[in-house]
């Protein structure tokens, strides 16, 4: 389409009505500098140092450094990508803001990874690419690529063509590339009080791999161990070495060993709220956001596709919430609270009608990772105290409850009690689609402390599953048998009759 000169691409940048985020209309964007020549995409990395001199306001250390990662594919933007896509989604930081945003693109169609630092003036011009960059010739043009790559700080690639079909080769290559990318990102803001990482994209196997599993679990753990300096525990061991290492002073963030992330935000990725993901990732962040269900999937009618819906969704998006909490200089638990509340508001307002129409089950959880080892060890102890017959009953009922960890916790409370509680409590809870108040010092209580914040769409629609924010991984195709090997540990005694499965069946 041919837009009017005043029209621009989403996101709108407009504040929602009566929103505390309301700001005056920004001044016209400055004229961008002449586009630099795009470097050849060699096998090594290339860096571009900013020549801008920060003002006194800019010199203040940000409260949050947010590293936002996205992937781009050939069917999304054909190579060479010459038009605006993912880079418009996250709101940018103004000069001197307590919020610093760095963005990483995994360019699958160009076999490279690049780190960018965009600003508000840049994104305003990018939204008006048709006239401001492409001179009225279209939404895509070679000039736009130069315009975007002018904000590139570091590039790694291309990866070998063979890695496109060899998943382990690509994972290993990306592990090395991201070590350089993340180190460079941290060095941009070495005095930032907190660091958050968001992946914007799909979920995968929820086994601890990163970025839709393109960086496999072992490589992801090694990468984060290198970046944070936190010694990850063994996959199945009970000891949690990650608790021994305190985060290094922020002034050390220009080196490897930068301390834990304040937050790993996987809340926009489908079905990442699984045990094996948390088992791998919990040592490296104070908080993890995730959902154990599909995320989104809302089908809007033509009437529901309005500018009000677009603006509201824009301001309830995770990136917008993280920018707002950074500007208020809130601490990480408050970030998690705001993210959960924003998701609930989205469901209850602009998405309420389609959620009710589609009976959509949605959830969001915030996990306090400091409590994961305690909960894991208690889970193993409870299971270890069961007789072989009760272990078999536990396995059978956990599969009936679709591998839900909260239901498994309540079941273990019942099975290890003196007989005052029966499995019928769990069945009644399932029928009512709710969970009773936990018994004091119970495994269920520990779980609810660990899964510190939670919201779902149960108040809006009837649910058909027992999901409560965290599930054991599946050995079956999107369903039981449940993977109990990692949760229960390598020394867990088998149930009577043996395990339903000991490895993935797909």
Protein backbone atom coordinates (compact mmCIF):
# COMPACT_ATOMS: atom_id res chain seq x y z
CA UNK A 1 0.00 0.00 0.00
CA UNK A 2 1.01 3.60 -0.49
CA UNK A 3 0.71 5.43 2.85
CA UNK A 4 0.13 9.06 3.50
CA UNK A 5 3.25 10.84 4.68
CA UNK A 6 1.84 11.14 8.22
CA UNK A 7 1.19 7.38 8.44
CA UNK A 8 3.64 4.98 10.02
CA UNK A 9 4.06 1.30 10.80
CA UNK A 10 3.08 -0.41 14.07
CA UNK A 11 3.86 -0.03 16.91
CA UNK A 12 2.11 3.30 17.10
CA UNK A 13 4.11 4.83 19.93
CA UNK A 14 0.88 6.41 21.16
CA UNK A 15 0.11 6.30 24.90
CA UNK A 16 -3.03 4.50 26.04
CA UNK A 17 -5.86 6.69 27.34
CA UNK A 18 -5.23 7.99 30.87
CA UNK A 19 -2.05 5.97 31.07
CA UNK A 20 0.83 6.87 33.40
CA UNK A 21 3.03 6.13 30.42
CA UNK A 22 1.60 9.15 28.60
CA UNK A 23 4.32 11.45 27.34
CA UNK A 24 4.35 14.47 25.11
CA UNK A 25 4.71 13.89 21.39
CA UNK A 26 8.37 13.46 20.64
CA UNK A 27 10.16 16.04 18.57
CA UNK A 28 10.75 15.29 14.89
CA UNK A 29 13.54 12.76 14.42
CA UNK A 30 16.95 14.06 13.61
CA UNK A 31 18.29 13.46 10.14
CA UNK A 32 20.14 10.18 10.15
CA UNK A 33 23.83 10.16 9.27
CA UNK A 34 24.96 8.88 5.94
CA UNK A 35 24.63 5.10 5.91
CA UNK A 36 27.88 3.25 6.45
CA UNK A 37 28.97 0.58 4.07
CA UNK A 38 27.81 -2.83 5.21
CA UNK A 39 30.82 -4.98 6.06
CA UNK A 40 31.23 -8.31 4.41
CA UNK A 41 29.79 -11.03 6.59
CA UNK A 42 33.03 -12.79 7.39
CA UNK A 43 33.45 -15.77 9.62
CA UNK A 44 34.84 -13.60 12.40
CA UNK A 45 33.13 -10.77 14.25
CA UNK A 46 33.06 -7.12 13.29
CA UNK A 47 32.53 -4.22 15.70
CA UNK A 48 31.37 -0.66 15.26
CA UNK A 49 32.16 1.81 18.03
CA UNK A 50 29.76 4.68 18.64
CA UNK A 51 31.21 8.14 18.14
CA UNK A 52 28.49 9.86 20.15
CA UNK A 53 29.62 11.63 23.32
CA UNK A 54 27.18 11.01 26.21
CA UNK A 55 25.76 14.00 28.03
CA UNK A 56 25.83 14.30 31.83
CA UNK A 57 22.32 12.83 31.99
CA UNK A 58 23.35 9.93 29.77
CA UNK A 59 26.35 9.22 31.99
CA UNK A 60 24.06 8.05 34.83
CA UNK A 61 24.08 4.29 35.09
CA UNK A 62 20.83 2.67 33.93
CA UNK A 63 18.68 0.77 36.38
CA UNK A 64 18.12 -2.02 33.85
CA UNK A 65 19.97 -3.28 30.83
CA UNK A 66 17.46 -5.23 28.75
CA UNK A 67 18.85 -7.62 26.12
CA UNK A 68 16.07 -8.48 23.65
CA UNK A 69 16.65 -11.41 21.27
CA UNK A 70 14.66 -12.24 18.13
CA UNK A 71 15.03 -14.55 15.12
CA UNK A 72 14.34 -13.65 11.50
CA UNK A 73 13.63 -16.14 8.72
CA UNK A 74 13.56 -16.11 4.92
CA UNK A 75 9.75 -16.29 4.78
CA UNK A 76 9.56 -13.33 7.16
CA UNK A 77 12.04 -11.07 5.38
CA UNK A 78 13.81 -12.42 2.31
CA UNK A 79 17.60 -12.14 2.20
CA UNK A 80 19.00 -9.55 2.15
CA UNK A 81 16.39 -8.16 4.56
CA UNK A 82 15.76 -4.59 3.43
CA UNK A 83 12.63 -3.60 5.34
CA UNK A 84 11.55 -3.03 8.97
CA UNK A 85 10.31 -6.10 10.87
CA UNK A 86 11.25 -7.27 14.40
CA UNK A 87 13.25 -4.12 15.20
CA UNK A 88 10.07 -2.04 15.61
CA UNK A 89 8.48 -4.20 18.31
CA UNK A 90 10.29 -3.14 21.49
CA UNK A 91 9.98 0.51 22.63
CA UNK A 92 13.34 2.24 22.59
CA UNK A 93 15.03 4.13 25.39
CA UNK A 94 15.36 7.93 25.34
CA UNK A 95 18.74 9.53 26.15
CA UNK A 96 19.59 9.41 29.84
CA UNK A 97 16.88 6.88 30.62
CA UNK A 98 17.17 4.43 33.55
CA UNK A 99 16.34 1.83 30.87
CA UNK A 100 18.92 0.64 28.34
CA UNK A 101 17.84 -1.61 25.48
CA UNK A 102 20.14 -3.69 23.28
CA UNK A 103 18.68 -5.97 20.63
CA UNK A 104 20.05 -9.14 19.07
CA UNK A 105 18.90 -10.65 15.78
CA UNK A 106 19.58 -14.21 14.73
CA UNK A 107 19.37 -13.74 10.96
CA UNK A 108 18.62 -17.30 9.84
CA UNK A 109 18.26 -16.26 6.19
CA UNK A 110 21.68 -14.52 6.25
CA UNK A 111 23.45 -16.98 8.61
CA UNK A 112 24.64 -14.30 11.03
CA UNK A 113 23.98 -12.84 14.48
CA UNK A 114 24.06 -9.09 15.11
CA UNK A 115 23.80 -6.80 18.14
CA UNK A 116 22.10 -3.40 17.73
CA UNK A 117 21.42 -0.30 19.76
CA UNK A 118 18.49 1.66 18.34
CA UNK A 119 17.06 4.89 19.78
CA UNK A 120 13.73 6.71 19.73
CA UNK A 121 14.67 9.02 16.86
CA UNK A 122 15.83 6.06 14.80
CA UNK A 123 12.65 4.05 15.33
CA UNK A 124 10.41 7.01 14.48
CA UNK A 125 12.16 7.29 11.15
CA UNK A 126 12.06 3.49 10.65
CA UNK A 127 8.29 3.50 11.14
CA UNK A 128 8.09 5.97 8.26
CA UNK A 129 10.50 4.06 6.06
CA UNK A 130 8.32 4.42 2.95
CA UNK A 131 9.14 8.13 2.68
CA UNK A 132 11.91 8.78 5.21
CA UNK A 133 14.29 6.04 4.07
CA UNK A 134 13.04 4.62 0.77
CA UNK A 135 12.07 8.01 -0.74
CA UNK A 136 8.51 6.97 -1.60
CA UNK A 137 9.59 3.84 -3.50
CA UNK A 138 8.21 1.26 -1.07
CA UNK A 139 8.55 -0.26 2.39
CA UNK A 140 11.75 -2.08 1.40
CA UNK A 141 14.88 -0.74 -0.25
CA UNK A 142 18.69 -1.17 -0.05
CA UNK A 143 18.94 2.12 1.84
CA UNK A 144 16.95 0.66 4.73
CA UNK A 145 19.50 -2.09 5.25
CA UNK A 146 22.24 0.54 5.54
CA UNK A 147 20.01 2.56 7.85
CA UNK A 148 19.45 -0.42 10.17
CA UNK A 149 23.01 -1.76 10.07
CA UNK A 150 24.29 1.70 10.97
CA UNK A 151 23.09 0.91 14.51
CA UNK A 152 24.92 -2.40 14.63
CA UNK A 153 27.48 -2.79 17.42
CA UNK A 154 28.74 -6.29 16.67
CA UNK A 155 28.23 -8.98 14.08
CA UNK A 156 29.22 -12.64 13.97
CA UNK A 157 28.97 -14.75 10.85
CA UNK A 158 28.27 -16.23 8.51
CA UNK A 159 28.00 -19.64 10.08
CA UNK A 160 28.91 -22.59 7.82
CA UNK A 161 26.23 -23.65 5.36
CA UNK A 162 26.48 -27.17 6.78
CA UNK A 163 25.17 -25.83 10.11
CA UNK A 164 21.79 -25.13 8.49
CA UNK A 165 21.16 -28.88 8.43
CA UNK A 166 23.34 -29.95 11.36
CA UNK A 167 21.60 -28.76 14.54
CA UNK A 168 24.51 -29.53 16.85
CA UNK A 169 26.97 -27.69 14.62
CA UNK A 170 24.71 -24.63 14.60
CA UNK A 171 24.24 -24.81 18.36
CA UNK A 172 27.99 -24.95 18.95
CA UNK A 173 28.59 -22.04 16.58
CA UNK A 174 25.88 -19.92 18.17
CA UNK A 175 27.23 -20.63 21.64
CA UNK A 176 30.52 -19.01 20.61
CA UNK A 177 28.81 -16.14 18.81
CA UNK A 178 26.54 -15.36 21.75
CA UNK A 179 29.46 -15.39 24.16
CA UNK A 180 30.86 -12.45 22.17
CA UNK A 181 27.45 -10.82 21.67
CA UNK A 182 26.50 -10.94 25.37
CA UNK A 183 29.93 -9.86 26.54
CA UNK A 184 29.75 -6.85 24.22
CA UNK A 185 26.20 -6.05 25.37
CA UNK A 186 27.20 -6.13 29.04
CA UNK A 187 30.23 -3.95 28.34
CA UNK A 188 27.93 -1.28 26.85
CA UNK A 189 26.40 -0.67 30.28
CA UNK A 190 28.86 -2.09 32.84
CA UNK A 191 27.30 -0.11 35.72
CA UNK A 192 23.69 -1.16 35.07
CA UNK A 193 22.06 -2.20 38.34
CA UNK A 194 20.20 -5.15 36.78
CA UNK A 195 20.27 -7.15 33.56
CA UNK A 196 17.25 -8.84 31.95
CA UNK A 197 17.09 -11.04 28.86
CA UNK A 198 13.93 -11.56 26.80
CA UNK A 199 13.49 -13.96 23.92
CA UNK A 200 10.75 -12.90 21.51
CA UNK A 201 9.66 -15.94 19.53
CA UNK A 202 8.28 -19.44 19.79
CA UNK A 203 8.89 -22.05 22.45
CA UNK A 204 10.56 -25.38 21.81
CA UNK A 205 11.18 -28.51 23.91
CA UNK A 206 11.50 -26.56 27.19
CA UNK A 207 14.58 -28.60 28.06
CA UNK A 208 16.94 -25.70 28.81
CA UNK A 209 17.82 -24.87 25.22
CA UNK A 210 17.75 -21.21 24.23
CA UNK A 211 16.03 -19.33 21.41
CA UNK A 212 13.57 -22.04 20.28
CA UNK A 213 16.18 -24.67 21.11
CA UNK A 214 18.60 -23.49 18.43
CA UNK A 215 21.22 -23.32 21.20
CA UNK A 216 20.92 -26.77 22.73
CA UNK A 217 20.71 -27.37 26.48
CA UNK A 218 24.37 -28.27 27.07
CA UNK A 219 25.58 -25.35 24.98
CA UNK A 220 23.07 -22.98 26.62
CA UNK A 221 24.22 -23.97 30.12
CA UNK A 222 27.88 -23.60 29.14
CA UNK A 223 27.19 -20.21 27.56
CA UNK A 224 25.37 -18.81 30.59
CA UNK A 225 27.92 -20.29 32.94
CA UNK A 226 30.65 -18.48 31.01
CA UNK A 227 28.77 -15.18 30.90
CA UNK A 228 27.55 -15.13 34.49
CA UNK A 229 30.41 -16.86 36.25
CA UNK A 230 27.87 -19.04 38.06
CA UNK A 231 28.84 -22.69 38.32
CA UNK A 232 25.85 -24.69 37.11
CA UNK A 233 24.91 -27.84 39.03
CA UNK A 234 24.90 -31.18 37.30
CA UNK A 235 21.60 -31.97 35.64
CA UNK A 236 20.63 -34.66 38.11
CA UNK A 237 22.63 -33.86 41.23
CA UNK A 238 21.01 -32.59 44.37
CA UNK A 239 23.70 -30.05 45.22
CA UNK A 240 23.09 -26.59 43.78
CA UNK A 241 26.43 -24.90 43.26
CA UNK A 242 24.71 -21.89 41.73
CA UNK A 243 23.78 -20.64 45.18
CA UNK A 244 27.43 -20.38 46.20
CA UNK A 245 28.28 -17.63 43.74
CA UNK A 246 27.13 -14.07 44.42
CA UNK A 247 26.76 -11.69 41.50
CA UNK A 248 29.93 -9.76 40.84
CA UNK A 249 29.92 -5.97 41.20
CA UNK A 250 28.31 -4.34 38.17
CA UNK A 251 31.60 -2.63 37.29
CA UNK A 252 32.87 -6.09 36.34
CA UNK A 253 30.25 -6.54 33.64
CA UNK A 254 32.74 -5.61 30.95
CA UNK A 255 34.32 -9.03 31.47
CA UNK A 256 33.05 -12.57 31.51
CA UNK A 257 31.69 -13.70 34.86
CA UNK A 258 29.21 -10.83 35.14
CA UNK A 259 26.90 -12.32 37.76
CA UNK A 260 23.33 -13.57 37.50
CA UNK A 261 20.68 -12.06 35.28
CA UNK A 262 17.93 -10.42 37.27
CA UNK A 263 15.40 -12.00 34.92
CA UNK A 264 15.18 -14.45 32.05
CA UNK A 265 11.89 -13.65 30.37
CA UNK A 266 10.45 -16.56 28.39
CA UNK A 267 6.86 -15.56 29.13
CA UNK A 268 6.02 -14.94 25.49
CA UNK A 269 7.22 -18.38 24.33
CA UNK A 270 4.76 -21.27 24.15
CA UNK A 271 5.04 -24.08 26.70
CA UNK A 272 8.46 -23.18 28.12
CA UNK A 273 7.18 -23.54 31.69
CA UNK A 274 8.56 -27.06 32.14
CA UNK A 275 10.76 -28.62 34.80
CA UNK A 276 13.81 -29.34 32.65
CA UNK A 277 14.02 -25.72 31.50
CA UNK A 278 14.04 -24.48 35.09
CA UNK A 279 16.45 -27.20 36.15
CA UNK A 280 18.94 -25.93 33.54
CA UNK A 281 18.31 -22.19 33.77
CA UNK A 282 17.59 -21.46 37.45
CA UNK A 283 21.23 -20.96 38.53
CA UNK A 284 21.68 -18.08 36.09
CA UNK A 285 18.82 -15.73 36.99
CA UNK A 286 16.97 -14.50 40.05
CA UNK A 287 13.59 -14.70 38.28
CA UNK A 288 12.28 -16.65 35.31
CA UNK A 289 9.01 -15.84 33.54
CA UNK A 290 7.35 -18.67 31.61
CA UNK A 291 4.05 -20.24 30.59
CA UNK A 292 3.29 -23.96 30.56
CA UNK A 293 0.62 -23.46 27.87
CA UNK A 294 0.32 -22.00 24.41
CA UNK A 295 0.75 -18.23 24.43
CA UNK A 296 -1.62 -16.06 22.43
CA UNK A 297 -3.52 -17.77 19.64
CA UNK A 298 -6.27 -15.17 19.93
CA UNK A 299 -8.49 -14.88 16.85
CA UNK A 300 -9.92 -11.38 16.58
CA UNK A 301 -12.98 -10.41 14.58
CA UNK A 302 -12.86 -7.43 12.25
CA UNK A 303 -14.64 -5.34 14.88
CA UNK A 304 -12.06 -6.32 17.50
CA UNK A 305 -9.14 -5.35 15.24
CA UNK A 306 -9.15 -1.71 16.21
CA UNK A 307 -6.53 0.93 16.85
CA UNK A 308 -7.54 0.86 20.53
CA UNK A 309 -6.78 -2.88 20.65
CA UNK A 310 -3.42 -2.30 18.98
CA UNK A 311 -2.40 0.52 21.32
CA UNK A 312 -3.53 -1.35 24.44
CA UNK A 313 -1.70 -4.53 23.38
CA UNK A 314 1.39 -2.49 22.63
CA UNK A 315 1.46 -0.99 26.12
CA UNK A 316 0.75 -4.29 27.86
CA UNK A 317 3.55 -6.07 26.00
CA UNK A 318 6.46 -7.40 28.04
CA UNK A 319 9.01 -5.02 26.52
CA UNK A 320 6.85 -2.00 27.34
CA UNK A 321 6.32 -3.20 30.91
CA UNK A 322 10.04 -3.75 31.45
CA UNK A 323 10.80 -0.28 30.13
CA UNK A 324 8.24 1.22 32.53
CA UNK A 325 9.53 -0.61 35.62
CA UNK A 326 13.09 0.40 34.78
CA UNK A 327 12.06 4.04 34.49
CA UNK A 328 10.45 3.76 37.93
CA UNK A 329 13.63 2.04 39.22
CA UNK A 330 11.67 -0.88 40.66
CA UNK A 331 13.34 -4.04 41.88
CA UNK A 332 13.10 -7.37 40.01
CA UNK A 333 10.22 -8.85 42.03
CA UNK A 334 8.15 -5.81 41.09
CA UNK A 335 9.03 -6.43 37.43
CA UNK A 336 7.58 -9.91 37.75
CA UNK A 337 4.45 -8.58 39.45
CA UNK A 338 3.90 -6.02 36.70
CA UNK A 339 4.42 -8.58 33.94
CA UNK A 340 1.91 -10.99 35.49
CA UNK A 341 -0.61 -8.20 36.12
CA UNK A 342 -0.25 -6.87 32.58
CA UNK A 343 -0.90 -10.30 31.10
CA UNK A 344 -4.00 -10.70 33.28
CA UNK A 345 -5.21 -7.25 32.23
CA UNK A 346 -4.73 -8.16 28.58
CA UNK A 347 -6.84 -11.28 29.02
CA UNK A 348 -9.54 -9.50 31.01
CA UNK A 349 -9.93 -6.50 28.70
CA UNK A 350 -9.11 -6.37 24.99
CA UNK A 351 -8.74 -10.15 24.61
CA UNK A 352 -11.62 -11.16 26.86
CA UNK A 353 -14.23 -11.72 24.14
CA UNK A 354 -12.03 -13.89 21.91
CA UNK A 355 -10.72 -15.84 24.92
CA UNK A 356 -14.29 -16.59 25.99
CA UNK A 357 -15.31 -17.37 22.41
CA UNK A 358 -12.37 -19.75 21.89
CA UNK A 359 -12.24 -21.17 25.45
CA UNK A 360 -8.56 -20.27 25.48
CA UNK A 361 -6.46 -21.55 28.34
CA UNK A 362 -3.62 -19.11 29.07
CA UNK A 363 -1.20 -18.81 31.98
CA UNK A 364 1.85 -16.89 33.13
CA UNK A 365 4.18 -17.72 36.04
CA UNK A 366 7.06 -15.96 37.78
CA UNK A 367 9.52 -18.33 39.44
CA UNK A 368 11.72 -17.31 42.37
CA UNK A 369 14.78 -19.35 41.45
CA UNK A 370 16.35 -19.13 44.90
CA UNK A 371 13.67 -21.59 46.08
CA UNK A 372 14.06 -24.14 43.28
CA UNK A 373 16.72 -26.28 45.04
CA UNK A 374 14.67 -26.47 48.24
CA UNK A 375 11.53 -27.48 46.37
CA UNK A 376 13.39 -30.00 44.18
CA UNK A 377 15.05 -31.66 47.16
CA UNK A 378 11.73 -31.84 49.06
CA UNK A 379 10.02 -33.38 46.00
CA UNK A 380 12.70 -36.07 45.82
CA UNK A 381 12.51 -36.75 49.56
CA UNK A 382 8.74 -37.13 49.48
CA UNK A 383 8.92 -39.54 46.55
CA UNK A 384 11.76 -41.50 48.14
CA UNK A 385 9.64 -42.14 51.23
CA UNK A 386 6.92 -43.92 49.24
CA UNK A 387 6.50 -47.67 49.06
CA UNK A 388 6.90 -49.28 45.60
CA UNK A 389 3.11 -49.55 45.28
CA UNK A 390 2.58 -45.90 46.19
CA UNK A 391 5.33 -44.88 43.76
CA UNK A 392 3.37 -46.66 41.04
CA UNK A 393 0.21 -44.85 42.15
CA UNK A 394 2.09 -41.56 42.05
CA UNK A 395 3.33 -42.16 38.49
CA UNK A 396 -0.12 -43.19 37.27
CA UNK A 397 -1.89 -40.20 38.80
CA UNK A 398 0.74 -37.67 37.70
CA UNK A 399 0.16 -38.84 34.14
CA UNK A 400 -3.59 -38.53 34.72
CA UNK A 401 -2.94 -34.95 35.87
CA UNK A 402 -1.02 -34.32 32.62
CA UNK A 403 2.36 -34.02 34.37
CA UNK A 404 1.37 -30.91 36.34
CA UNK A 405 3.87 -30.18 39.11
CA UNK A 406 1.41 -28.59 41.53
CA UNK A 407 -0.93 -31.57 41.31
CA UNK A 408 2.05 -33.89 41.74
CA UNK A 409 3.06 -31.94 44.86
CA UNK A 410 -0.36 -32.23 46.38
CA UNK A 411 -0.47 -35.92 45.51
CA UNK A 412 2.85 -36.52 47.27
CA UNK A 413 1.57 -34.62 50.31
CA UNK A 414 -1.41 -36.97 50.39
CA UNK A 415 0.57 -40.16 49.78
CA UNK A 416 3.17 -39.39 52.46
CA UNK A 417 0.68 -38.25 55.08
CA UNK A 418 -0.48 -40.42 57.96
CA UNK A 419 -3.74 -41.16 56.19
CA UNK A 420 -5.68 -38.03 57.07
CA UNK A 421 -5.67 -37.02 53.42
CA UNK A 422 -6.62 -39.14 50.48
CA UNK A 423 -6.10 -38.96 46.76
CA UNK A 424 -9.74 -37.96 46.49
CA UNK A 425 -8.75 -34.40 47.43
CA UNK A 426 -6.76 -34.10 44.22
CA UNK A 427 -9.63 -35.52 42.18
CA UNK A 428 -12.08 -33.08 43.73
CA UNK A 429 -9.68 -30.25 43.05
CA UNK A 430 -9.43 -31.36 39.45
CA UNK A 431 -13.20 -31.47 39.07
CA UNK A 432 -13.51 -27.99 40.55
CA UNK A 433 -10.59 -26.69 38.45
CA UNK A 434 -8.95 -25.24 41.51
CA UNK A 435 -6.41 -26.24 44.14
CA UNK A 436 -7.12 -26.22 47.89
CA UNK A 437 -5.12 -24.13 50.30
CA UNK A 438 -1.83 -25.91 51.04
CA UNK A 439 -1.18 -27.67 54.31
CA UNK A 440 1.41 -25.86 56.44
CA UNK A 441 4.98 -26.86 55.52
CA UNK A 442 3.63 -29.01 52.70
CA UNK A 443 5.24 -29.71 49.35
CA UNK A 444 2.34 -27.83 47.76
CA UNK A 445 3.16 -24.85 49.94
CA UNK A 446 6.82 -24.96 48.88
CA UNK A 447 5.75 -25.08 45.25
CA UNK A 448 3.53 -22.03 45.62
CA UNK A 449 6.38 -20.10 47.26
CA UNK A 450 8.69 -21.08 44.40
CA UNK A 451 6.08 -20.29 41.74
CA UNK A 452 5.75 -16.97 43.47
CA UNK A 453 3.39 -15.17 41.08
CA UNK A 454 0.78 -16.66 38.79
CA UNK A 455 -2.26 -15.77 36.70
CA UNK A 456 -4.44 -17.69 34.28
CA UNK A 457 -7.74 -17.48 32.42
CA UNK A 458 -9.69 -19.77 34.78
CA UNK A 459 -11.88 -16.83 35.88
CA UNK A 460 -12.97 -16.41 32.24
CA UNK A 461 -13.41 -19.89 30.75
CA UNK A 462 -13.80 -23.51 31.87
CA UNK A 463 -10.52 -25.42 31.73
CA UNK A 464 -10.00 -28.95 30.40
CA UNK A 465 -6.51 -29.49 31.83
CA UNK A 466 -4.79 -29.53 35.21
CA UNK A 467 -2.07 -27.03 34.26
CA UNK A 468 -1.00 -24.66 37.04
CA UNK A 469 2.07 -22.91 35.68
CA UNK A 470 4.72 -25.64 35.68
CA UNK A 471 4.74 -29.12 34.25
CA UNK A 472 7.14 -32.01 34.08
CA UNK A 473 8.41 -32.42 30.54
CA UNK A 474 6.65 -34.90 28.31
CA UNK A 475 8.16 -38.09 26.95
CA UNK A 476 5.15 -38.40 24.67
CA UNK A 477 4.07 -36.13 21.83
CA UNK A 478 2.75 -33.12 23.77
CA UNK A 479 1.54 -35.41 26.51
CA UNK A 480 2.37 -38.22 28.97
CA UNK A 481 4.33 -40.28 29.81
CA UNK A 482 5.98 -37.69 32.05
CA UNK A 483 9.73 -37.23 32.18
CA UNK A 484 10.39 -37.92 35.87
CA UNK A 485 14.08 -38.76 35.42
CA UNK A 486 15.51 -35.28 36.01
CA UNK A 487 12.95 -34.11 38.64
CA UNK A 488 13.36 -37.18 40.84
CA UNK A 489 17.10 -37.58 40.28
CA UNK A 490 19.32 -40.46 39.11
CA UNK A 491 18.97 -42.43 42.35
CA UNK A 492 15.17 -42.37 42.47
CA UNK A 493 13.76 -45.85 43.18
CA UNK A 494 11.54 -47.22 40.43
CA UNK A 495 7.82 -47.58 40.98
CA UNK A 496 6.28 -51.01 41.18
CA UNK A 497 6.13 -52.27 37.61
CA UNK A 498 8.82 -49.88 36.42
CA UNK A 499 8.81 -46.49 34.73
CA UNK A 500 6.31 -45.73 31.98
CA UNK A 501 9.18 -44.35 29.91
CA UNK A 502 12.81 -43.35 30.43
CA UNK A 503 13.39 -41.33 27.27
CA UNK A 504 11.52 -39.31 24.70
CA UNK A 505 9.23 -41.29 22.43
CA UNK A 506 9.33 -38.77 19.59
